[in-house]
């Protein structure tokens, strides 16, 4: 029995001796995205709950569009009314065309009479003058109607642009989740009035977290972006669990040591921040402390 106790004591001592001291300490963080309403109005629906996992591009919120739809209907009615204002020159031109045919028949008849010397050439010239007047009237009627319709139809384009603007505003009343992640905080409730830019909820990707830690200037040469390191977190029983990570960012300027961080050298006042990207199996939480070991 004594031999067994000595064995366990030796094993525990051996485990403690193999513990590697941390080169840096920090806390886990995630990139949070605040999803906001683009258009103001009454919030009709919000399908985001704290702790819920939402896929990207899912429709999650709806702002009331009743007023925008009524404005669009009013503009569409104006557009139809503009079309009814256009002038149709065909009836007037039809009358003038009939006059032209009559004059042409008279010209043909008088040409025979003049050839037979049964009518005066002046009468034929008068008829030809009437033909020119009728033709000028037909051209003027077409030109006048075309100019009038051009001015009337030009009013359509601004109305169409306003309708397109309303369509875009109606589209923005639908809020879609931007990334696949977990809802961290719900900031609004259905039936509330929201303003443009009002935050609705915060979401973050938790499948990968980043450990933000700090090192002194003497440790900085050991860090390189992309370097594989070991991240240690607390485990049950007072042990440490090791997770592989990769350095994803290193600050380019020094800063004073944060109060919540203790470096290896207590005399160090200036430190450099860096981040280690760590895959998360669900055990890592935002704000959880962690240690970095690379030696």
C-alpha atoms as a PDB file:
ATOM      1  CA  UNK A   1       0.000   0.000   0.000  1.00  0.00           C
ATOM      2  CA  UNK A   2       2.861   2.326   0.811  1.00  0.00           C
ATOM      3  CA  UNK A   3       4.487   1.508  -2.530  1.00  0.00           C
ATOM      4  CA  UNK A   4       1.251   2.428  -4.353  1.00  0.00           C
ATOM      5  CA  UNK A   5       1.070   5.792  -2.548  1.00  0.00           C
ATOM      6  CA  UNK A   6       4.640   6.597  -3.492  1.00  0.00           C
ATOM      7  CA  UNK A   7       3.823   5.740  -7.110  1.00  0.00           C
ATOM      8  CA  UNK A   8       0.859   8.159  -7.243  1.00  0.00           C
ATOM      9  CA  UNK A   9       2.878  10.898  -5.534  1.00  0.00           C
ATOM     10  CA  UNK A  10       5.666  10.450  -8.052  1.00  0.00           C
ATOM     11  CA  UNK A  11       3.204  10.520 -10.986  1.00  0.00           C
ATOM     12  CA  UNK A  12       1.551  13.709  -9.757  1.00  0.00           C
ATOM     13  CA  UNK A  13       4.929  15.339  -9.176  1.00  0.00           C
ATOM     14  CA  UNK A  14       6.021  14.332 -12.664  1.00  0.00           C
ATOM     15  CA  UNK A  15       2.899  15.931 -14.207  1.00  0.00           C
ATOM     16  CA  UNK A  16       3.512  19.147 -12.305  1.00  0.00           C
ATOM     17  CA  UNK A  17       7.118  19.235 -13.447  1.00  0.00           C
ATOM     18  CA  UNK A  18       6.085  18.887 -17.141  1.00  0.00           C
ATOM     19  CA  UNK A  19       3.748  21.879 -16.959  1.00  0.00           C
ATOM     20  CA  UNK A  20       5.129  24.540 -19.262  1.00  0.00           C
ATOM     21  CA  UNK A  21       4.977  28.130 -17.950  1.00  0.00           C
ATOM     22  CA  UNK A  22       2.971  30.511 -20.090  1.00  0.00           C
ATOM     23  CA  UNK A  23       4.744  32.984 -22.358  1.00  0.00           C
ATOM     24  CA  UNK A  24       1.696  35.292 -22.516  1.00  0.00           C
ATOM     25  CA  UNK A  25      -1.724  35.645 -20.937  1.00  0.00           C
ATOM     26  CA  UNK A  26      -4.933  37.093 -22.280  1.00  0.00           C
ATOM     27  CA  UNK A  27      -8.643  36.675 -22.837  1.00  0.00           C
ATOM     28  CA  UNK A  28     -10.685  35.200 -25.661  1.00  0.00           C
ATOM     29  CA  UNK A  29     -12.696  37.516 -27.855  1.00  0.00           C
ATOM     30  CA  UNK A  30     -14.803  37.302 -31.000  1.00  0.00           C
ATOM     31  CA  UNK A  31     -15.561  39.720 -33.803  1.00  0.00           C
ATOM     32  CA  UNK A  32     -19.058  40.945 -33.041  1.00  0.00           C
ATOM     33  CA  UNK A  33     -21.401  42.258 -35.720  1.00  0.00           C
ATOM     34  CA  UNK A  34     -24.208  44.638 -34.758  1.00  0.00           C
ATOM     35  CA  UNK A  35     -27.189  44.179 -37.065  1.00  0.00           C
ATOM     36  CA  UNK A  36     -29.236  47.376 -37.423  1.00  0.00           C
ATOM     37  CA  UNK A  37     -32.393  48.548 -39.131  1.00  0.00           C
ATOM     38  CA  UNK A  38     -31.742  50.501 -42.311  1.00  0.00           C
ATOM     39  CA  UNK A  39     -35.205  52.092 -42.452  1.00  0.00           C
ATOM     40  CA  UNK A  40     -37.194  53.574 -39.592  1.00  0.00           C
ATOM     41  CA  UNK A  41     -40.663  52.391 -38.593  1.00  0.00           C
ATOM     42  CA  UNK A  42     -42.505  49.898 -36.443  1.00  0.00           C
ATOM     43  CA  UNK A  43     -40.655  46.606 -35.983  1.00  0.00           C
ATOM     44  CA  UNK A  44     -43.134  43.908 -36.947  1.00  0.00           C
ATOM     45  CA  UNK A  45     -40.945  40.841 -36.515  1.00  0.00           C
ATOM     46  CA  UNK A  46     -37.560  39.893 -35.030  1.00  0.00           C
ATOM     47  CA  UNK A  47     -36.523  36.234 -35.062  1.00  0.00           C
ATOM     48  CA  UNK A  48     -33.247  36.615 -33.128  1.00  0.00           C
ATOM     49  CA  UNK A  49     -33.000  35.207 -29.615  1.00  0.00           C
ATOM     50  CA  UNK A  50     -29.929  35.268 -27.370  1.00  0.00           C
ATOM     51  CA  UNK A  51     -27.930  32.066 -27.703  1.00  0.00           C
ATOM     52  CA  UNK A  52     -29.625  31.162 -30.987  1.00  0.00           C
ATOM     53  CA  UNK A  53     -27.503  30.115 -33.951  1.00  0.00           C
ATOM     54  CA  UNK A  54     -28.539  31.946 -37.107  1.00  0.00           C
ATOM     55  CA  UNK A  55     -27.384  31.040 -40.622  1.00  0.00           C
ATOM     56  CA  UNK A  56     -26.164  33.698 -42.996  1.00  0.00           C
ATOM     57  CA  UNK A  57     -28.667  35.420 -45.320  1.00  0.00           C
ATOM     58  CA  UNK A  58     -31.688  34.350 -43.253  1.00  0.00           C
ATOM     59  CA  UNK A  59     -34.615  36.794 -43.055  1.00  0.00           C
ATOM     60  CA  UNK A  60     -34.703  37.771 -39.371  1.00  0.00           C
ATOM     61  CA  UNK A  61     -36.541  41.102 -39.059  1.00  0.00           C
ATOM     62  CA  UNK A  62     -39.237  43.127 -40.784  1.00  0.00           C
ATOM     63  CA  UNK A  63     -40.034  46.838 -40.469  1.00  0.00           C
ATOM     64  CA  UNK A  64     -43.545  48.037 -41.355  1.00  0.00           C
ATOM     65  CA  UNK A  65     -43.857  49.005 -45.058  1.00  0.00           C
ATOM     66  CA  UNK A  66     -47.514  50.096 -45.149  1.00  0.00           C
ATOM     67  CA  UNK A  67     -46.780  53.810 -45.669  1.00  0.00           C
ATOM     68  CA  UNK A  68     -44.164  53.069 -48.332  1.00  0.00           C
ATOM     69  CA  UNK A  69     -46.587  50.826 -50.260  1.00  0.00           C
ATOM     70  CA  UNK A  70     -49.280  53.548 -50.178  1.00  0.00           C
ATOM     71  CA  UNK A  71     -46.788  56.083 -51.515  1.00  0.00           C
ATOM     72  CA  UNK A  72     -45.833  53.668 -54.284  1.00  0.00           C
ATOM     73  CA  UNK A  73     -49.500  53.161 -55.269  1.00  0.00           C
ATOM     74  CA  UNK A  74     -49.994  56.925 -55.453  1.00  0.00           C
ATOM     75  CA  UNK A  75     -47.010  57.279 -57.771  1.00  0.00           C
ATOM     76  CA  UNK A  76     -48.193  54.413 -59.972  1.00  0.00           C
ATOM     77  CA  UNK A  77     -51.591  56.151 -60.300  1.00  0.00           C
ATOM     78  CA  UNK A  78     -49.802  59.370 -61.313  1.00  0.00           C
ATOM     79  CA  UNK A  79     -47.853  57.410 -63.893  1.00  0.00           C
ATOM     80  CA  UNK A  80     -51.050  56.058 -65.440  1.00  0.00           C
ATOM     81  CA  UNK A  81     -52.613  59.540 -65.428  1.00  0.00           C
ATOM     82  CA  UNK A  82     -49.639  60.938 -67.312  1.00  0.00           C
ATOM     83  CA  UNK A  83     -50.198  58.365 -70.078  1.00  0.00           C
ATOM     84  CA  UNK A  84     -53.780  59.540 -70.505  1.00  0.00           C
ATOM     85  CA  UNK A  85     -52.666  63.142 -71.076  1.00  0.00           C
ATOM     86  CA  UNK A  86     -50.946  62.343 -74.363  1.00  0.00           C
ATOM     87  CA  UNK A  87     -52.496  63.781 -77.528  1.00  0.00           C
ATOM     88  CA  UNK A  88     -53.607  61.575 -80.415  1.00  0.00           C
ATOM     89  CA  UNK A  89     -53.138  63.514 -83.683  1.00  0.00           C
ATOM     90  CA  UNK A  90     -54.712  60.785 -85.823  1.00  0.00           C
ATOM     91  CA  UNK A  91     -58.337  62.131 -85.890  1.00  0.00           C
ATOM     92  CA  UNK A  92     -57.219  65.609 -86.967  1.00  0.00           C
ATOM     93  CA  UNK A  93     -54.764  64.199 -89.464  1.00  0.00           C
ATOM     94  CA  UNK A  94     -57.485  61.883 -90.852  1.00  0.00           C
ATOM     95  CA  UNK A  95     -59.666  64.928 -91.641  1.00  0.00           C
ATOM     96  CA  UNK A  96     -56.756  66.700 -93.334  1.00  0.00           C
ATOM     97  CA  UNK A  97     -55.861  63.565 -95.285  1.00  0.00           C
ATOM     98  CA  UNK A  98     -59.440  63.417 -96.591  1.00  0.00           C
ATOM     99  CA  UNK A  99     -59.167  67.058 -97.673  1.00  0.00           C
ATOM    100  CA  UNK A 100     -55.898  66.237 -99.398  1.00  0.00           C
ATOM    101  CA  UNK A 101     -57.503  63.383-101.354  1.00  0.00           C
ATOM    102  CA  UNK A 102     -60.330  65.683-102.466  1.00  0.00           C
ATOM    103  CA  UNK A 103     -57.848  68.324-103.651  1.00  0.00           C
ATOM    104  CA  UNK A 104     -55.848  65.690-105.526  1.00  0.00           C
ATOM    105  CA  UNK A 105     -59.017  64.530-107.326  1.00  0.00           C
ATOM    106  CA  UNK A 106     -59.814  68.127-108.247  1.00  0.00           C
ATOM    107  CA  UNK A 107     -56.273  68.668-109.506  1.00  0.00           C
ATOM    108  CA  UNK A 108     -56.496  65.564-111.680  1.00  0.00           C
ATOM    109  CA  UNK A 109     -59.874  66.738-113.090  1.00  0.00           C
ATOM    110  CA  UNK A 110     -58.681  70.270-113.791  1.00  0.00           C
ATOM    111  CA  UNK A 111     -55.504  69.019-115.450  1.00  0.00           C
ATOM    112  CA  UNK A 112     -57.724  67.337-118.071  1.00  0.00           C
ATOM    113  CA  UNK A 113     -59.904  70.423-118.414  1.00  0.00           C
ATOM    114  CA  UNK A 114     -56.898  72.689-118.863  1.00  0.00           C
ATOM    115  CA  UNK A 115     -55.494  70.296-121.441  1.00  0.00           C
ATOM    116  CA  UNK A 116     -58.799  70.527-123.317  1.00  0.00           C
ATOM    117  CA  UNK A 117     -58.815  74.290-122.782  1.00  0.00           C
ATOM    118  CA  UNK A 118     -62.080  73.971-120.871  1.00  0.00           C
ATOM    119  CA  UNK A 119     -60.629  75.576-117.698  1.00  0.00           C
ATOM    120  CA  UNK A 120     -58.143  78.282-116.883  1.00  0.00           C
ATOM    121  CA  UNK A 121     -54.593  77.387-115.750  1.00  0.00           C
ATOM    122  CA  UNK A 122     -55.064  79.753-112.813  1.00  0.00           C
ATOM    123  CA  UNK A 123     -57.754  77.469-111.386  1.00  0.00           C
ATOM    124  CA  UNK A 124     -55.276  74.549-111.524  1.00  0.00           C
ATOM    125  CA  UNK A 125     -52.614  76.648-109.797  1.00  0.00           C
ATOM    126  CA  UNK A 126     -55.083  77.546-107.037  1.00  0.00           C
ATOM    127  CA  UNK A 127     -55.818  73.872-106.424  1.00  0.00           C
ATOM    128  CA  UNK A 128     -52.119  73.073-106.244  1.00  0.00           C
ATOM    129  CA  UNK A 129     -51.744  75.877-103.695  1.00  0.00           C
ATOM    130  CA  UNK A 130     -54.542  74.332-101.636  1.00  0.00           C
ATOM    131  CA  UNK A 131     -52.697  71.008-101.759  1.00  0.00           C
ATOM    132  CA  UNK A 132     -49.547  72.594-100.342  1.00  0.00           C
ATOM    133  CA  UNK A 133     -51.571  74.215 -97.535  1.00  0.00           C
ATOM    134  CA  UNK A 134     -53.218  70.917 -96.591  1.00  0.00           C
ATOM    135  CA  UNK A 135     -49.887  69.093 -96.609  1.00  0.00           C
ATOM    136  CA  UNK A 136     -48.388  71.813 -94.400  1.00  0.00           C
ATOM    137  CA  UNK A 137     -51.333  71.479 -92.004  1.00  0.00           C
ATOM    138  CA  UNK A 138     -50.813  67.702 -91.775  1.00  0.00           C
ATOM    139  CA  UNK A 139     -47.101  68.124 -91.015  1.00  0.00           C
ATOM    140  CA  UNK A 140     -47.863  70.843 -88.443  1.00  0.00           C
ATOM    141  CA  UNK A 141     -50.462  68.649 -86.697  1.00  0.00           C
ATOM    142  CA  UNK A 142     -48.007  65.761 -86.420  1.00  0.00           C
ATOM    143  CA  UNK A 143     -45.222  68.012 -85.191  1.00  0.00           C
ATOM    144  CA  UNK A 144     -47.433  69.756 -82.641  1.00  0.00           C
ATOM    145  CA  UNK A 145     -48.721  66.461 -81.215  1.00  0.00           C
ATOM    146  CA  UNK A 146     -45.198  65.029 -81.087  1.00  0.00           C
ATOM    147  CA  UNK A 147     -43.831  68.024 -79.184  1.00  0.00           C
ATOM    148  CA  UNK A 148     -46.739  68.013 -76.739  1.00  0.00           C
ATOM    149  CA  UNK A 149     -46.433  64.278 -76.097  1.00  0.00           C
ATOM    150  CA  UNK A 150     -42.676  64.559 -75.611  1.00  0.00           C
ATOM    151  CA  UNK A 151     -43.212  67.100 -72.848  1.00  0.00           C
ATOM    152  CA  UNK A 152     -45.948  65.017 -71.243  1.00  0.00           C
ATOM    153  CA  UNK A 153     -44.011  61.749 -71.423  1.00  0.00           C
ATOM    154  CA  UNK A 154     -40.902  63.418 -69.974  1.00  0.00           C
ATOM    155  CA  UNK A 155     -42.849  63.674 -66.702  1.00  0.00           C
ATOM    156  CA  UNK A 156     -42.818  59.873 -66.449  1.00  0.00           C
ATOM    157  CA  UNK A 157     -39.087  59.467 -65.771  1.00  0.00           C
ATOM    158  CA  UNK A 158     -39.007  61.361 -62.433  1.00  0.00           C
ATOM    159  CA  UNK A 159     -42.035  59.365 -61.262  1.00  0.00           C
ATOM    160  CA  UNK A 160     -40.355  56.082 -62.238  1.00  0.00           C
ATOM    161  CA  UNK A 161     -37.243  57.132 -60.302  1.00  0.00           C
ATOM    162  CA  UNK A 162     -39.366  57.837 -57.213  1.00  0.00           C
ATOM    163  CA  UNK A 163     -40.980  54.409 -57.536  1.00  0.00           C
ATOM    164  CA  UNK A 164     -37.539  52.785 -57.738  1.00  0.00           C
ATOM    165  CA  UNK A 165     -36.508  54.700 -54.620  1.00  0.00           C
ATOM    166  CA  UNK A 166     -39.552  53.411 -52.750  1.00  0.00           C
ATOM    167  CA  UNK A 167     -38.847  49.866 -53.949  1.00  0.00           C
ATOM    168  CA  UNK A 168     -35.340  50.139 -52.487  1.00  0.00           C
ATOM    169  CA  UNK A 169     -36.706  51.473 -49.198  1.00  0.00           C
ATOM    170  CA  UNK A 170     -39.226  48.619 -49.064  1.00  0.00           C
ATOM    171  CA  UNK A 171     -36.430  46.122 -49.741  1.00  0.00           C
ATOM    172  CA  UNK A 172     -34.358  47.586 -46.908  1.00  0.00           C
ATOM    173  CA  UNK A 173     -37.250  47.095 -44.494  1.00  0.00           C
ATOM    174  CA  UNK A 174     -36.380  43.397 -44.650  1.00  0.00           C
ATOM    175  CA  UNK A 175     -33.354  42.622 -42.467  1.00  0.00           C
ATOM    176  CA  UNK A 176     -31.204  39.596 -43.314  1.00  0.00           C
ATOM    177  CA  UNK A 177     -28.638  38.050 -41.013  1.00  0.00           C
ATOM    178  CA  UNK A 178     -25.147  38.856 -42.392  1.00  0.00           C
ATOM    179  CA  UNK A 179     -23.083  35.969 -40.982  1.00  0.00           C
ATOM    180  CA  UNK A 180     -23.521  32.504 -39.568  1.00  0.00           C
ATOM    181  CA  UNK A 181     -23.094  32.865 -35.816  1.00  0.00           C
ATOM    182  CA  UNK A 182     -24.597  32.957 -32.347  1.00  0.00           C
ATOM    183  CA  UNK A 183     -26.784  35.830 -31.139  1.00  0.00           C
ATOM    184  CA  UNK A 184     -24.989  37.472 -28.222  1.00  0.00           C
ATOM    185  CA  UNK A 185     -27.556  40.137 -27.308  1.00  0.00           C
ATOM    186  CA  UNK A 186     -31.054  41.059 -28.442  1.00  0.00           C
ATOM    187  CA  UNK A 187     -31.417  44.845 -28.489  1.00  0.00           C
ATOM    188  CA  UNK A 188     -34.982  45.376 -29.738  1.00  0.00           C
ATOM    189  CA  UNK A 189     -38.420  43.802 -29.473  1.00  0.00           C
ATOM    190  CA  UNK A 190     -41.303  43.496 -31.973  1.00  0.00           C
ATOM    191  CA  UNK A 191     -43.823  46.391 -31.968  1.00  0.00           C
ATOM    192  CA  UNK A 192     -41.117  48.887 -30.982  1.00  0.00           C
ATOM    193  CA  UNK A 193     -40.455  51.945 -33.128  1.00  0.00           C
ATOM    194  CA  UNK A 194     -36.953  51.848 -34.589  1.00  0.00           C
ATOM    195  CA  UNK A 195     -35.008  54.611 -36.280  1.00  0.00           C
ATOM    196  CA  UNK A 196     -32.647  54.192 -39.237  1.00  0.00           C
ATOM    197  CA  UNK A 197     -29.478  52.658 -37.841  1.00  0.00           C
ATOM    198  CA  UNK A 198     -31.106  51.399 -34.624  1.00  0.00           C
ATOM    199  CA  UNK A 199     -29.299  48.210 -33.455  1.00  0.00           C
ATOM    200  CA  UNK A 200     -31.485  45.111 -33.370  1.00  0.00           C
ATOM    201  CA  UNK A 201     -29.060  42.437 -32.122  1.00  0.00           C
ATOM    202  CA  UNK A 202     -25.398  41.499 -31.904  1.00  0.00           C
ATOM    203  CA  UNK A 203     -24.029  38.302 -33.415  1.00  0.00           C
ATOM    204  CA  UNK A 204     -20.600  36.696 -33.615  1.00  0.00           C
ATOM    205  CA  UNK A 205     -18.954  33.643 -35.103  1.00  0.00           C
ATOM    206  CA  UNK A 206     -18.040  31.344 -32.223  1.00  0.00           C
ATOM    207  CA  UNK A 207     -16.611  28.431 -34.215  1.00  0.00           C
ATOM    208  CA  UNK A 208     -13.274  30.248 -34.058  1.00  0.00           C
ATOM    209  CA  UNK A 209     -12.208  32.648 -31.305  1.00  0.00           C
ATOM    210  CA  UNK A 210      -9.130  34.812 -30.915  1.00  0.00           C
ATOM    211  CA  UNK A 211      -7.041  34.999 -27.764  1.00  0.00           C
ATOM    212  CA  UNK A 212      -5.818  38.571 -27.333  1.00  0.00           C
ATOM    213  CA  UNK A 213      -2.614  38.511 -25.292  1.00  0.00           C
ATOM    214  CA  UNK A 214       0.382  40.756 -24.631  1.00  0.00           C
ATOM    215  CA  UNK A 215       4.145  40.248 -24.773  1.00  0.00           C
ATOM    216  CA  UNK A 216       7.133  42.365 -23.874  1.00  0.00           C
ATOM    217  CA  UNK A 217       9.589  43.725 -26.382  1.00  0.00           C
ATOM    218  CA  UNK A 218      12.089  40.985 -25.580  1.00  0.00           C
ATOM    219  CA  UNK A 219       9.508  38.316 -26.446  1.00  0.00           C
ATOM    220  CA  UNK A 220       8.370  40.002 -29.637  1.00  0.00           C
ATOM    221  CA  UNK A 221      11.051  38.478 -31.948  1.00  0.00           C
ATOM    222  CA  UNK A 222       9.675  35.017 -31.171  1.00  0.00           C
ATOM    223  CA  UNK A 223       6.299  35.944 -32.667  1.00  0.00           C
ATOM    224  CA  UNK A 224       5.466  35.723 -36.359  1.00  0.00           C
ATOM    225  CA  UNK A 225       2.108  35.838 -38.075  1.00  0.00           C
ATOM    226  CA  UNK A 226       1.087  32.301 -38.953  1.00  0.00           C
ATOM    227  CA  UNK A 227       3.244  30.671 -36.270  1.00  0.00           C
ATOM    228  CA  UNK A 228       1.715  27.644 -34.546  1.00  0.00           C
ATOM    229  CA  UNK A 229       1.472  27.983 -30.756  1.00  0.00           C
ATOM    230  CA  UNK A 230      -0.162  26.170 -27.874  1.00  0.00           C
ATOM    231  CA  UNK A 231      -3.063  27.754 -26.006  1.00  0.00           C
ATOM    232  CA  UNK A 232      -3.742  26.562 -22.475  1.00  0.00           C
ATOM    233  CA  UNK A 233      -7.099  26.917 -20.726  1.00  0.00           C
ATOM    234  CA  UNK A 234      -8.318  25.797 -17.338  1.00  0.00           C
ATOM    235  CA  UNK A 235      -9.681  22.267 -17.177  1.00  0.00           C
ATOM    236  CA  UNK A 236     -11.510  20.343 -14.425  1.00  0.00           C
ATOM    237  CA  UNK A 237      -9.392  19.268 -11.494  1.00  0.00           C
ATOM    238  CA  UNK A 238      -7.051  22.243 -11.718  1.00  0.00           C
ATOM    239  CA  UNK A 239      -5.302  20.916 -14.821  1.00  0.00           C
ATOM    240  CA  UNK A 240      -4.671  22.748 -18.093  1.00  0.00           C
ATOM    241  CA  UNK A 241      -6.084  21.797 -21.450  1.00  0.00           C
ATOM    242  CA  UNK A 242      -3.944  22.484 -24.517  1.00  0.00           C
ATOM    243  CA  UNK A 243      -5.405  23.648 -27.826  1.00  0.00           C
ATOM    244  CA  UNK A 244      -3.388  24.379 -30.982  1.00  0.00           C
ATOM    245  CA  UNK A 245      -3.605  27.910 -32.313  1.00  0.00           C
ATOM    246  CA  UNK A 246      -2.080  30.168 -34.914  1.00  0.00           C
ATOM    247  CA  UNK A 247      -0.881  33.770 -34.532  1.00  0.00           C
ATOM    248  CA  UNK A 248      -3.184  35.891 -36.682  1.00  0.00           C
ATOM    249  CA  UNK A 249      -2.214  39.472 -35.788  1.00  0.00           C
ATOM    250  CA  UNK A 250       0.610  41.384 -34.120  1.00  0.00           C
ATOM    251  CA  UNK A 251       0.339  45.022 -33.108  1.00  0.00           C
ATOM    252  CA  UNK A 252       2.763  47.416 -34.771  1.00  0.00           C
ATOM    253  CA  UNK A 253       2.986  49.736 -31.770  1.00  0.00           C
ATOM    254  CA  UNK A 254       3.590  49.350 -28.061  1.00  0.00           C
ATOM    255  CA  UNK A 255       1.073  50.231 -25.370  1.00  0.00           C
ATOM    256  CA  UNK A 256       1.022  50.387 -21.597  1.00  0.00           C
ATOM    257  CA  UNK A 257       0.385  47.121 -19.828  1.00  0.00           C
ATOM    258  CA  UNK A 258      -3.361  46.627 -19.276  1.00  0.00           C
ATOM    259  CA  UNK A 259      -4.310  46.292 -15.605  1.00  0.00           C
ATOM    260  CA  UNK A 260      -5.954  42.930 -16.220  1.00  0.00           C
ATOM    261  CA  UNK A 261      -2.815  41.449 -17.772  1.00  0.00           C
ATOM    262  CA  UNK A 262       0.265  40.280 -15.873  1.00  0.00           C
ATOM    263  CA  UNK A 263       3.364  39.675 -17.951  1.00  0.00           C
ATOM    264  CA  UNK A 264       6.270  37.428 -17.148  1.00  0.00           C
ATOM    265  CA  UNK A 265       8.428  40.401 -16.241  1.00  0.00           C
ATOM    266  CA  UNK A 266       6.695  42.645 -13.728  1.00  0.00           C
ATOM    267  CA  UNK A 267       9.023  45.557 -14.509  1.00  0.00           C
ATOM    268  CA  UNK A 268       7.780  45.784 -18.102  1.00  0.00           C
ATOM    269  CA  UNK A 269       5.604  48.839 -18.709  1.00  0.00           C
ATOM    270  CA  UNK A 270       5.211  48.679 -22.480  1.00  0.00           C
ATOM    271  CA  UNK A 271       3.879  45.584 -24.204  1.00  0.00           C
ATOM    272  CA  UNK A 272       2.716  44.520 -27.660  1.00  0.00           C
ATOM    273  CA  UNK A 273      -0.699  43.025 -28.298  1.00  0.00           C
ATOM    274  CA  UNK A 274      -1.163  39.978 -30.516  1.00  0.00           C
ATOM    275  CA  UNK A 275      -3.965  37.576 -31.348  1.00  0.00           C
ATOM    276  CA  UNK A 276      -4.022  33.803 -31.633  1.00  0.00           C
ATOM    277  CA  UNK A 277      -6.823  32.228 -33.658  1.00  0.00           C
ATOM    278  CA  UNK A 278      -8.131  29.094 -31.955  1.00  0.00           C
ATOM    279  CA  UNK A 279     -10.800  26.642 -33.192  1.00  0.00           C
ATOM    280  CA  UNK A 280     -13.707  26.412 -30.772  1.00  0.00           C
ATOM    281  CA  UNK A 281     -15.447  23.123 -30.037  1.00  0.00           C
ATOM    282  CA  UNK A 282     -17.933  24.901 -27.799  1.00  0.00           C
ATOM    283  CA  UNK A 283     -15.828  24.969 -24.655  1.00  0.00           C
ATOM    284  CA  UNK A 284     -14.319  28.404 -25.309  1.00  0.00           C
ATOM    285  CA  UNK A 285     -16.305  31.451 -24.231  1.00  0.00           C
ATOM    286  CA  UNK A 286     -15.871  35.168 -24.870  1.00  0.00           C
ATOM    287  CA  UNK A 287     -13.897  36.702 -22.008  1.00  0.00           C
ATOM    288  CA  UNK A 288     -12.432  33.390 -20.825  1.00  0.00           C
ATOM    289  CA  UNK A 289      -8.768  33.658 -19.789  1.00  0.00           C
ATOM    290  CA  UNK A 290      -6.112  31.738 -21.641  1.00  0.00           C
ATOM    291  CA  UNK A 291      -2.356  31.274 -21.810  1.00  0.00           C
ATOM    292  CA  UNK A 292      -0.044  31.120 -24.822  1.00  0.00           C
ATOM    293  CA  UNK A 293       3.026  28.893 -24.955  1.00  0.00           C
ATOM    294  CA  UNK A 294       5.434  28.883 -27.881  1.00  0.00           C
ATOM    295  CA  UNK A 295       8.750  27.896 -26.285  1.00  0.00           C
END
